[in-house]
mmCIF file of all heavy atoms, coordinates in Angstrom:
data_MODEL
# 
_entry.id   MODEL 
# 
loop_
_atom_site.group_PDB 
_atom_site.id 
_atom_site.type_symbol 
_atom_site.label_atom_id 
_atom_site.label_alt_id 
_atom_site.label_comp_id 
_atom_site.label_asym_id 
_atom_site.label_entity_id 
_atom_site.label_seq_id 
_atom_site.pdbx_PDB_ins_code 
_atom_site.Cartn_x 
_atom_site.Cartn_y 
_atom_site.Cartn_z 
_atom_site.occupancy 
_atom_site.B_iso_or_equiv 
_atom_site.pdbx_formal_charge 
_atom_site.auth_seq_id 
_atom_site.auth_comp_id 
_atom_site.auth_asym_id 
_atom_site.auth_atom_id 
_atom_site.pdbx_PDB_model_num 
ATOM 1   N N   . HIS A 1 1  ? -98.145  134.888 -148.119 1.00 0.00 ? 1  HIS A N   1 
ATOM 2   C CA  . HIS A 1 1  ? -98.155  134.974 -149.578 1.00 0.00 ? 1  HIS A CA  1 
ATOM 3   C C   . HIS A 1 1  ? -97.683  133.650 -150.182 1.00 0.00 ? 1  HIS A C   1 
ATOM 4   O O   . HIS A 1 1  ? -96.596  133.180 -149.858 1.00 0.00 ? 1  HIS A O   1 
ATOM 5   C CB  . HIS A 1 1  ? -97.249  136.108 -150.035 1.00 0.00 ? 1  HIS A CB  1 
ATOM 6   C CG  . HIS A 1 1  ? -97.126  136.208 -151.514 1.00 0.00 ? 1  HIS A CG  1 
ATOM 7   N ND1 . HIS A 1 1  ? -98.154  136.662 -152.306 1.00 0.00 ? 1  HIS A ND1 1 
ATOM 8   C CD2 . HIS A 1 1  ? -96.109  135.879 -152.348 1.00 0.00 ? 1  HIS A CD2 1 
ATOM 9   C CE1 . HIS A 1 1  ? -97.769  136.619 -153.572 1.00 0.00 ? 1  HIS A CE1 1 
ATOM 10  N NE2 . HIS A 1 1  ? -96.533  136.158 -153.616 1.00 0.00 ? 1  HIS A NE2 1 
ATOM 11  N N   . PRO A 1 2  ? -98.462  133.014 -151.049 1.00 0.00 ? 2  PRO A N   1 
ATOM 12  C CA  . PRO A 1 2  ? -98.046  131.723 -151.625 1.00 0.00 ? 2  PRO A CA  1 
ATOM 13  C C   . PRO A 1 2  ? -97.089  131.916 -152.792 1.00 0.00 ? 2  PRO A C   1 
ATOM 14  O O   . PRO A 1 2  ? -97.265  132.821 -153.610 1.00 0.00 ? 2  PRO A O   1 
ATOM 15  C CB  . PRO A 1 2  ? -99.365  131.107 -152.086 1.00 0.00 ? 2  PRO A CB  1 
ATOM 16  C CG  . PRO A 1 2  ? -100.227 132.286 -152.417 1.00 0.00 ? 2  PRO A CG  1 
ATOM 17  C CD  . PRO A 1 2  ? -99.843  133.369 -151.443 1.00 0.00 ? 2  PRO A CD  1 
ATOM 18  N N   . MET A 1 3  ? -96.091  131.050 -152.903 1.00 0.00 ? 3  MET A N   1 
ATOM 19  C CA  . MET A 1 3  ? -95.194  131.044 -154.039 1.00 0.00 ? 3  MET A CA  1 
ATOM 20  C C   . MET A 1 3  ? -95.910  130.381 -155.224 1.00 0.00 ? 3  MET A C   1 
ATOM 21  O O   . MET A 1 3  ? -96.833  129.571 -155.038 1.00 0.00 ? 3  MET A O   1 
ATOM 22  C CB  . MET A 1 3  ? -93.908  130.286 -153.703 1.00 0.00 ? 3  MET A CB  1 
ATOM 23  C CG  . MET A 1 3  ? -93.194  130.843 -152.462 1.00 0.00 ? 3  MET A CG  1 
ATOM 24  S SD  . MET A 1 3  ? -92.749  132.588 -152.637 1.00 0.00 ? 3  MET A SD  1 
ATOM 25  C CE  . MET A 1 3  ? -91.353  132.450 -153.764 1.00 0.00 ? 3  MET A CE  1 
ATOM 26  N N   . PRO A 1 4  ? -95.520  130.701 -156.475 1.00 0.00 ? 4  PRO A N   1 
ATOM 27  C CA  . PRO A 1 4  ? -96.200  130.145 -157.651 1.00 0.00 ? 4  PRO A CA  1 
ATOM 28  C C   . PRO A 1 4  ? -96.271  128.625 -157.657 1.00 0.00 ? 4  PRO A C   1 
ATOM 29  O O   . PRO A 1 4  ? -97.312  128.047 -157.985 1.00 0.00 ? 4  PRO A O   1 
ATOM 30  C CB  . PRO A 1 4  ? -95.363  130.674 -158.814 1.00 0.00 ? 4  PRO A CB  1 
ATOM 31  C CG  . PRO A 1 4  ? -94.775  131.943 -158.309 1.00 0.00 ? 4  PRO A CG  1 
ATOM 32  C CD  . PRO A 1 4  ? -94.500  131.707 -156.857 1.00 0.00 ? 4  PRO A CD  1 
ATOM 33  N N   . ALA A 1 5  ? -95.160  127.962 -157.287 1.00 0.00 ? 5  ALA A N   1 
ATOM 34  C CA  . ALA A 1 5  ? -95.164  126.493 -157.295 1.00 0.00 ? 5  ALA A CA  1 
ATOM 35  C C   . ALA A 1 5  ? -96.157  125.953 -156.274 1.00 0.00 ? 5  ALA A C   1 
ATOM 36  O O   . ALA A 1 5  ? -96.814  124.938 -156.500 1.00 0.00 ? 5  ALA A O   1 
ATOM 37  C CB  . ALA A 1 5  ? -93.762  125.958 -157.005 1.00 0.00 ? 5  ALA A CB  1 
ATOM 38  N N   . ALA A 1 6  ? -96.269  126.661 -155.131 1.00 0.00 ? 6  ALA A N   1 
ATOM 39  C CA  . ALA A 1 6  ? -97.219  126.229 -154.107 1.00 0.00 ? 6  ALA A CA  1 
ATOM 40  C C   . ALA A 1 6  ? -98.651  126.412 -154.587 1.00 0.00 ? 6  ALA A C   1 
ATOM 41  O O   . ALA A 1 6  ? -99.516  125.561 -154.352 1.00 0.00 ? 6  ALA A O   1 
ATOM 42  C CB  . ALA A 1 6  ? -96.985  127.029 -152.819 1.00 0.00 ? 6  ALA A CB  1 
ATOM 43  N N   . GLU A 1 7  ? -98.909  127.525 -155.282 1.00 0.00 ? 7  GLU A N   1 
ATOM 44  C CA  . GLU A 1 7  ? -100.256 127.765 -155.807 1.00 0.00 ? 7  GLU A CA  1 
ATOM 45  C C   . GLU A 1 7  ? -100.660 126.697 -156.805 1.00 0.00 ? 7  GLU A C   1 
ATOM 46  O O   . GLU A 1 7  ? -101.801 126.213 -156.797 1.00 0.00 ? 7  GLU A O   1 
ATOM 47  C CB  . GLU A 1 7  ? -100.322 129.143 -156.468 1.00 0.00 ? 7  GLU A CB  1 
ATOM 48  C CG  . GLU A 1 7  ? -100.466 130.290 -155.487 1.00 0.00 ? 7  GLU A CG  1 
ATOM 49  C CD  . GLU A 1 7  ? -100.882 131.576 -156.175 1.00 0.00 ? 7  GLU A CD  1 
ATOM 50  O OE1 . GLU A 1 7  ? -100.248 131.934 -157.184 1.00 0.00 ? 7  GLU A OE1 1 
ATOM 51  O OE2 . GLU A 1 7  ? -101.829 132.204 -155.712 1.00 0.00 ? 7  GLU A OE2 1 
ATOM 52  N N   . ARG A 1 8  ? -99.716  126.334 -157.679 1.00 0.00 ? 8  ARG A N   1 
ATOM 53  C CA  . ARG A 1 8  ? -100.036 125.325 -158.696 1.00 0.00 ? 8  ARG A CA  1 
ATOM 54  C C   . ARG A 1 8  ? -100.371 123.988 -158.039 1.00 0.00 ? 8  ARG A C   1 
ATOM 55  O O   . ARG A 1 8  ? -101.348 123.326 -158.399 1.00 0.00 ? 8  ARG A O   1 
ATOM 56  C CB  . ARG A 1 8  ? -98.868  125.175 -159.672 1.00 0.00 ? 8  ARG A CB  1 
ATOM 57  C CG  . ARG A 1 8  ? -98.767  126.299 -160.686 1.00 0.00 ? 8  ARG A CG  1 
ATOM 58  C CD  . ARG A 1 8  ? -97.835  125.924 -161.824 1.00 0.00 ? 8  ARG A CD  1 
ATOM 59  N NE  . ARG A 1 8  ? -96.454  125.840 -161.389 1.00 0.00 ? 8  ARG A NE  1 
ATOM 60  C CZ  . ARG A 1 8  ? -95.603  126.861 -161.447 1.00 0.00 ? 8  ARG A CZ  1 
ATOM 61  N NH1 . ARG A 1 8  ? -96.014  128.049 -161.874 1.00 0.00 ? 8  ARG A NH1 1 
ATOM 62  N NH2 . ARG A 1 8  ? -94.356  126.725 -161.065 1.00 0.00 ? 8  ARG A NH2 1 
ATOM 63  N N   . LEU A 1 9  ? -99.528  123.561 -157.068 1.00 0.00 ? 9  LEU A N   1 
ATOM 64  C CA  . LEU A 1 9  ? -99.755  122.277 -156.409 1.00 0.00 ? 9  LEU A CA  1 
ATOM 65  C C   . LEU A 1 9  ? -101.062 122.291 -155.627 1.00 0.00 ? 9  LEU A C   1 
ATOM 66  O O   . LEU A 1 9  ? -101.807 121.308 -155.635 1.00 0.00 ? 9  LEU A O   1 
ATOM 67  C CB  . LEU A 1 9  ? -98.581  121.953 -155.473 1.00 0.00 ? 9  LEU A CB  1 
ATOM 68  C CG  . LEU A 1 9  ? -98.654  120.608 -154.743 1.00 0.00 ? 9  LEU A CG  1 
ATOM 69  C CD1 . LEU A 1 9  ? -98.699  119.461 -155.752 1.00 0.00 ? 9  LEU A CD1 1 
ATOM 70  C CD2 . LEU A 1 9  ? -97.459  120.438 -153.808 1.00 0.00 ? 9  LEU A CD2 1 
ATOM 71  N N   . ALA A 1 10 ? -101.356 123.409 -154.965 1.00 0.00 ? 10 ALA A N   1 
ATOM 72  C CA  . ALA A 1 10 ? -102.604 123.503 -154.211 1.00 0.00 ? 10 ALA A CA  1 
ATOM 73  C C   . ALA A 1 10 ? -103.807 123.423 -155.140 1.00 0.00 ? 10 ALA A C   1 
ATOM 74  O O   . ALA A 1 10 ? -104.793 122.746 -154.844 1.00 0.00 ? 10 ALA A O   1 
ATOM 75  C CB  . ALA A 1 10 ? -102.630 124.815 -153.416 1.00 0.00 ? 10 ALA A CB  1 
ATOM 76  N N   . GLY A 1 11 ? -103.713 124.107 -156.289 1.00 0.00 ? 11 GLY A N   1 
ATOM 77  C CA  . GLY A 1 11 ? -104.818 124.070 -157.241 1.00 0.00 ? 11 GLY A CA  1 
ATOM 78  C C   . GLY A 1 11 ? -105.063 122.686 -157.778 1.00 0.00 ? 11 GLY A C   1 
ATOM 79  O O   . GLY A 1 11 ? -106.214 122.268 -157.984 1.00 0.00 ? 11 GLY A O   1 
ATOM 80  N N   . GLU A 1 12 ? -103.984 121.934 -158.012 1.00 0.00 ? 12 GLU A N   1 
ATOM 81  C CA  . GLU A 1 12 ? -104.113 120.579 -158.543 1.00 0.00 ? 12 GLU A CA  1 
ATOM 82  C C   . GLU A 1 12 ? -104.781 119.639 -157.541 1.00 0.00 ? 12 GLU A C   1 
ATOM 83  O O   . GLU A 1 12 ? -105.346 118.608 -157.929 1.00 0.00 ? 12 GLU A O   1 
ATOM 84  C CB  . GLU A 1 12 ? -102.726 120.028 -158.915 1.00 0.00 ? 12 GLU A CB  1 
ATOM 85  C CG  . GLU A 1 12 ? -102.085 120.744 -160.095 1.00 0.00 ? 12 GLU A CG  1 
ATOM 86  C CD  . GLU A 1 12 ? -100.627 120.359 -160.266 1.00 0.00 ? 12 GLU A CD  1 
ATOM 87  O OE1 . GLU A 1 12 ? -100.117 119.578 -159.432 1.00 0.00 ? 12 GLU A OE1 1 
ATOM 88  O OE2 . GLU A 1 12 ? -99.999  120.849 -161.231 1.00 0.00 ? 12 GLU A OE2 1 
ATOM 89  N N   . ASN A 1 13 ? -104.716 119.985 -156.254 1.00 0.00 ? 13 ASN A N   1 
ATOM 90  C CA  . ASN A 1 13 ? -105.264 119.113 -155.219 1.00 0.00 ? 13 ASN A CA  1 
ATOM 91  C C   . ASN A 1 13 ? -106.469 119.728 -154.502 1.00 0.00 ? 13 ASN A C   1 
ATOM 92  O O   . ASN A 1 13 ? -106.858 119.277 -153.429 1.00 0.00 ? 13 ASN A O   1 
ATOM 93  C CB  . ASN A 1 13 ? -104.174 118.774 -154.191 1.00 0.00 ? 13 ASN A CB  1 
ATOM 94  C CG  . ASN A 1 13 ? -103.092 117.887 -154.759 1.00 0.00 ? 13 ASN A CG  1 
ATOM 95  O OD1 . ASN A 1 13 ? -103.227 116.670 -154.795 1.00 0.00 ? 13 ASN A OD1 1 
ATOM 96  N ND2 . ASN A 1 13 ? -102.004 118.499 -155.229 1.00 0.00 ? 13 ASN A ND2 1 
ATOM 97  N N   . ASN A 1 14 ? -107.057 120.780 -155.113 1.00 0.00 ? 14 ASN A N   1 
ATOM 98  C CA  . ASN A 1 14 ? -108.262 121.415 -154.562 1.00 0.00 ? 14 ASN A CA  1 
ATOM 99  C C   . ASN A 1 14 ? -108.079 121.879 -153.120 1.00 0.00 ? 14 ASN A C   1 
ATOM 100 O O   . ASN A 1 14 ? -108.927 121.680 -152.259 1.00 0.00 ? 14 ASN A O   1 
ATOM 101 C CB  . ASN A 1 14 ? -109.462 120.458 -154.653 1.00 0.00 ? 14 ASN A CB  1 
ATOM 102 C CG  . ASN A 1 14 ? -109.810 120.103 -156.077 1.00 0.00 ? 14 ASN A CG  1 
ATOM 103 O OD1 . ASN A 1 14 ? -109.780 120.967 -156.950 1.00 0.00 ? 14 ASN A OD1 1 
ATOM 104 N ND2 . ASN A 1 14 ? -110.127 118.851 -156.321 1.00 0.00 ? 14 ASN A ND2 1 
ATOM 105 N N   . ILE A 1 15 ? -106.925 122.490 -152.867 1.00 0.00 ? 15 ILE A N   1 
ATOM 106 C CA  . ILE A 1 15 ? -106.614 122.983 -151.531 1.00 0.00 ? 15 ILE A CA  1 
ATOM 107 C C   . ILE A 1 15 ? -106.691 124.509 -151.525 1.00 0.00 ? 15 ILE A C   1 
ATOM 108 O O   . ILE A 1 15 ? -106.239 125.163 -152.466 1.00 0.00 ? 15 ILE A O   1 
ATOM 109 C CB  . ILE A 1 15 ? -105.210 122.530 -151.095 1.00 0.00 ? 15 ILE A CB  1 
ATOM 110 C CG1 . ILE A 1 15 ? -105.212 121.021 -150.815 1.00 0.00 ? 15 ILE A CG1 1 
ATOM 111 C CG2 . ILE A 1 15 ? -104.725 123.288 -149.862 1.00 0.00 ? 15 ILE A CG2 1 
ATOM 112 C CD1 . ILE A 1 15 ? -103.857 120.472 -150.492 1.00 0.00 ? 15 ILE A CD1 1 
ATOM 113 N N   . ILE A 1 16 ? -107.289 125.077 -150.465 1.00 0.00 ? 16 ILE A N   1 
ATOM 114 C CA  . ILE A 1 16 ? -107.296 126.525 -150.301 1.00 0.00 ? 16 ILE A CA  1 
ATOM 115 C C   . ILE A 1 16 ? -105.935 126.922 -149.747 1.00 0.00 ? 16 ILE A C   1 
ATOM 116 O O   . ILE A 1 16 ? -105.640 126.721 -148.560 1.00 0.00 ? 16 ILE A O   1 
ATOM 117 C CB  . ILE A 1 16 ? -108.422 126.956 -149.349 1.00 0.00 ? 16 ILE A CB  1 
ATOM 118 C CG1 . ILE A 1 16 ? -109.774 126.502 -149.902 1.00 0.00 ? 16 ILE A CG1 1 
ATOM 119 C CG2 . ILE A 1 16 ? -108.414 128.475 -149.167 1.00 0.00 ? 16 ILE A CG2 1 
ATOM 120 C CD1 . ILE A 1 16 ? -110.931 126.753 -148.962 1.00 0.00 ? 16 ILE A CD1 1 
ATOM 121 N N   . VAL A 1 17 ? -105.098 127.458 -150.592 1.00 0.00 ? 17 VAL A N   1 
ATOM 122 C CA  . VAL A 1 17 ? -103.698 127.660 -150.242 1.00 0.00 ? 17 VAL A CA  1 
ATOM 123 C C   . VAL A 1 17 ? -103.528 128.641 -149.084 1.00 0.00 ? 17 VAL A C   1 
ATOM 124 O O   . VAL A 1 17 ? -102.585 128.542 -148.301 1.00 0.00 ? 17 VAL A O   1 
ATOM 125 C CB  . VAL A 1 17 ? -102.907 128.125 -151.484 1.00 0.00 ? 17 VAL A CB  1 
ATOM 126 C CG1 . VAL A 1 17 ? -103.284 129.533 -151.888 1.00 0.00 ? 17 VAL A CG1 1 
ATOM 127 C CG2 . VAL A 1 17 ? -101.406 128.036 -151.230 1.00 0.00 ? 17 VAL A CG2 1 
ATOM 128 N N   . SER A 1 18 ? -104.472 129.597 -148.931 1.00 0.00 ? 18 SER A N   1 
ATOM 129 C CA  . SER A 1 18 ? -104.346 130.588 -147.860 1.00 0.00 ? 18 SER A CA  1 
ATOM 130 C C   . SER A 1 18 ? -104.482 129.967 -146.476 1.00 0.00 ? 18 SER A C   1 
ATOM 131 O O   . SER A 1 18 ? -104.131 130.584 -145.475 1.00 0.00 ? 18 SER A O   1 
ATOM 132 C CB  . SER A 1 18 ? -105.394 131.683 -148.044 1.00 0.00 ? 18 SER A CB  1 
ATOM 133 O OG  . SER A 1 18 ? -106.700 131.146 -147.956 1.00 0.00 ? 18 SER A OG  1 
ATOM 134 N N   . GLN A 1 19 ? -105.009 128.750 -146.396 1.00 0.00 ? 19 GLN A N   1 
ATOM 135 C CA  . GLN A 1 19 ? -105.177 128.096 -145.098 1.00 0.00 ? 19 GLN A CA  1 
ATOM 136 C C   . GLN A 1 19 ? -104.074 127.077 -144.803 1.00 0.00 ? 19 GLN A C   1 
ATOM 137 O O   . GLN A 1 19 ? -104.191 126.283 -143.880 1.00 0.00 ? 19 GLN A O   1 
ATOM 138 C CB  . GLN A 1 19 ? -106.553 127.422 -145.034 1.00 0.00 ? 19 GLN A CB  1 
ATOM 139 C CG  . GLN A 1 19 ? -107.687 128.433 -145.147 1.00 0.00 ? 19 GLN A CG  1 
ATOM 140 C CD  . GLN A 1 19 ? -109.046 127.824 -144.892 1.00 0.00 ? 19 GLN A CD  1 
ATOM 141 O OE1 . GLN A 1 19 ? -109.168 126.846 -144.158 1.00 0.00 ? 19 GLN A OE1 1 
ATOM 142 N NE2 . GLN A 1 19 ? -110.075 128.386 -145.503 1.00 0.00 ? 19 GLN A NE2 1 
ATOM 143 N N   . VAL A 1 20 ? -103.008 127.117 -145.603 1.00 0.00 ? 20 VAL A N   1 
ATOM 144 C CA  . VAL A 1 20 ? -101.842 126.266 -145.361 1.00 0.00 ? 20 VAL A CA  1 
ATOM 145 C C   . VAL A 1 20 ? -100.800 127.070 -144.588 1.00 0.00 ? 20 VAL A C   1 
ATOM 146 O O   . VAL A 1 20 ? -100.558 128.235 -144.897 1.00 0.00 ? 20 VAL A O   1 
ATOM 147 C CB  . VAL A 1 20 ? -101.244 125.766 -146.688 1.00 0.00 ? 20 VAL A CB  1 
ATOM 148 C CG1 . VAL A 1 20 ? -99.955  124.974 -146.439 1.00 0.00 ? 20 VAL A CG1 1 
ATOM 149 C CG2 . VAL A 1 20 ? -102.250 124.910 -147.442 1.00 0.00 ? 20 VAL A CG2 1 
ATOM 150 N N   . SER A 1 21 ? -100.204 126.479 -143.589 1.00 0.00 ? 21 SER A N   1 
ATOM 151 C CA  . SER A 1 21 ? -99.179  127.151 -142.792 1.00 0.00 ? 21 SER A CA  1 
ATOM 152 C C   . SER A 1 21 ? -97.927  127.351 -143.624 1.00 0.00 ? 21 SER A C   1 
ATOM 153 O O   . SER A 1 21 ? -97.397  126.407 -144.207 1.00 0.00 ? 21 SER A O   1 
ATOM 154 C CB  . SER A 1 21 ? -98.854  126.329 -141.532 1.00 0.00 ? 21 SER A CB  1 
ATOM 155 O OG  . SER A 1 21 ? -100.001 126.193 -140.711 1.00 0.00 ? 21 SER A OG  1 
ATOM 156 N N   . GLY A 1 22 ? -97.425  128.575 -143.672 1.00 0.00 ? 22 GLY A N   1 
ATOM 157 C CA  . GLY A 1 22 ? -96.241  128.892 -144.459 1.00 0.00 ? 22 GLY A CA  1 
ATOM 158 C C   . GLY A 1 22 ? -94.984  128.903 -143.618 1.00 0.00 ? 22 GLY A C   1 
ATOM 159 O O   . GLY A 1 22 ? -94.958  129.479 -142.524 1.00 0.00 ? 22 GLY A O   1 
ATOM 160 N N   . SER A 1 23 ? -93.923  128.273 -144.118 1.00 0.00 ? 23 SER A N   1 
ATOM 161 C CA  . SER A 1 23 ? -92.658  128.229 -143.384 1.00 0.00 ? 23 SER A CA  1 
ATOM 162 C C   . SER A 1 23 ? -91.585  129.072 -144.037 1.00 0.00 ? 23 SER A C   1 
ATOM 163 O O   . SER A 1 23 ? -90.452  129.122 -143.573 1.00 0.00 ? 23 SER A O   1 
ATOM 164 C CB  . SER A 1 23 ? -92.156  126.772 -143.282 1.00 0.00 ? 23 SER A CB  1 
ATOM 165 O OG  . SER A 1 23 ? -91.901  126.242 -144.576 1.00 0.00 ? 23 SER A OG  1 
ATOM 166 N N   . GLY A 1 24 ? -91.939  129.757 -145.129 1.00 0.00 ? 24 GLY A N   1 
ATOM 167 C CA  . GLY A 1 24 ? -90.976  130.588 -145.818 1.00 0.00 ? 24 GLY A CA  1 
ATOM 168 C C   . GLY A 1 24 ? -90.799  131.938 -145.144 1.00 0.00 ? 24 GLY A C   1 
ATOM 169 O O   . GLY A 1 24 ? -91.436  132.238 -144.116 1.00 0.00 ? 24 GLY A O   1 
ATOM 170 N N   . PRO A 1 25 ? -89.922  132.784 -145.703 1.00 0.00 ? 25 PRO A N   1 
ATOM 171 C CA  . PRO A 1 25 ? -89.691  134.118 -145.135 1.00 0.00 ? 25 PRO A CA  1 
ATOM 172 C C   . PRO A 1 25 ? -90.998  134.896 -145.046 1.00 0.00 ? 25 PRO A C   1 
ATOM 173 O O   . PRO A 1 25 ? -91.772  134.947 -146.002 1.00 0.00 ? 25 PRO A O   1 
ATOM 174 C CB  . PRO A 1 25 ? -88.715  134.762 -146.131 1.00 0.00 ? 25 PRO A CB  1 
ATOM 175 C CG  . PRO A 1 25 ? -88.055  133.610 -146.818 1.00 0.00 ? 25 PRO A CG  1 
ATOM 176 C CD  . PRO A 1 25 ? -89.101  132.539 -146.893 1.00 0.00 ? 25 PRO A CD  1 
ATOM 177 N N   . GLY A 1 26 ? -91.265  135.508 -143.885 1.00 0.00 ? 26 GLY A N   1 
ATOM 178 C CA  . GLY A 1 26 ? -92.483  136.278 -143.714 1.00 0.00 ? 26 GLY A CA  1 
ATOM 179 C C   . GLY A 1 26 ? -93.746  135.435 -143.765 1.00 0.00 ? 26 GLY A C   1 
ATOM 180 O O   . GLY A 1 26 ? -94.831  135.951 -144.039 1.00 0.00 ? 26 GLY A O   1 
# 
């Protein structure tokens, strides 16, 4: 699950956020 700040940064850089490795809880 992406955090809001991560979603915003990914959108600004045309990145599909679901394909980024997450290091947060869960």
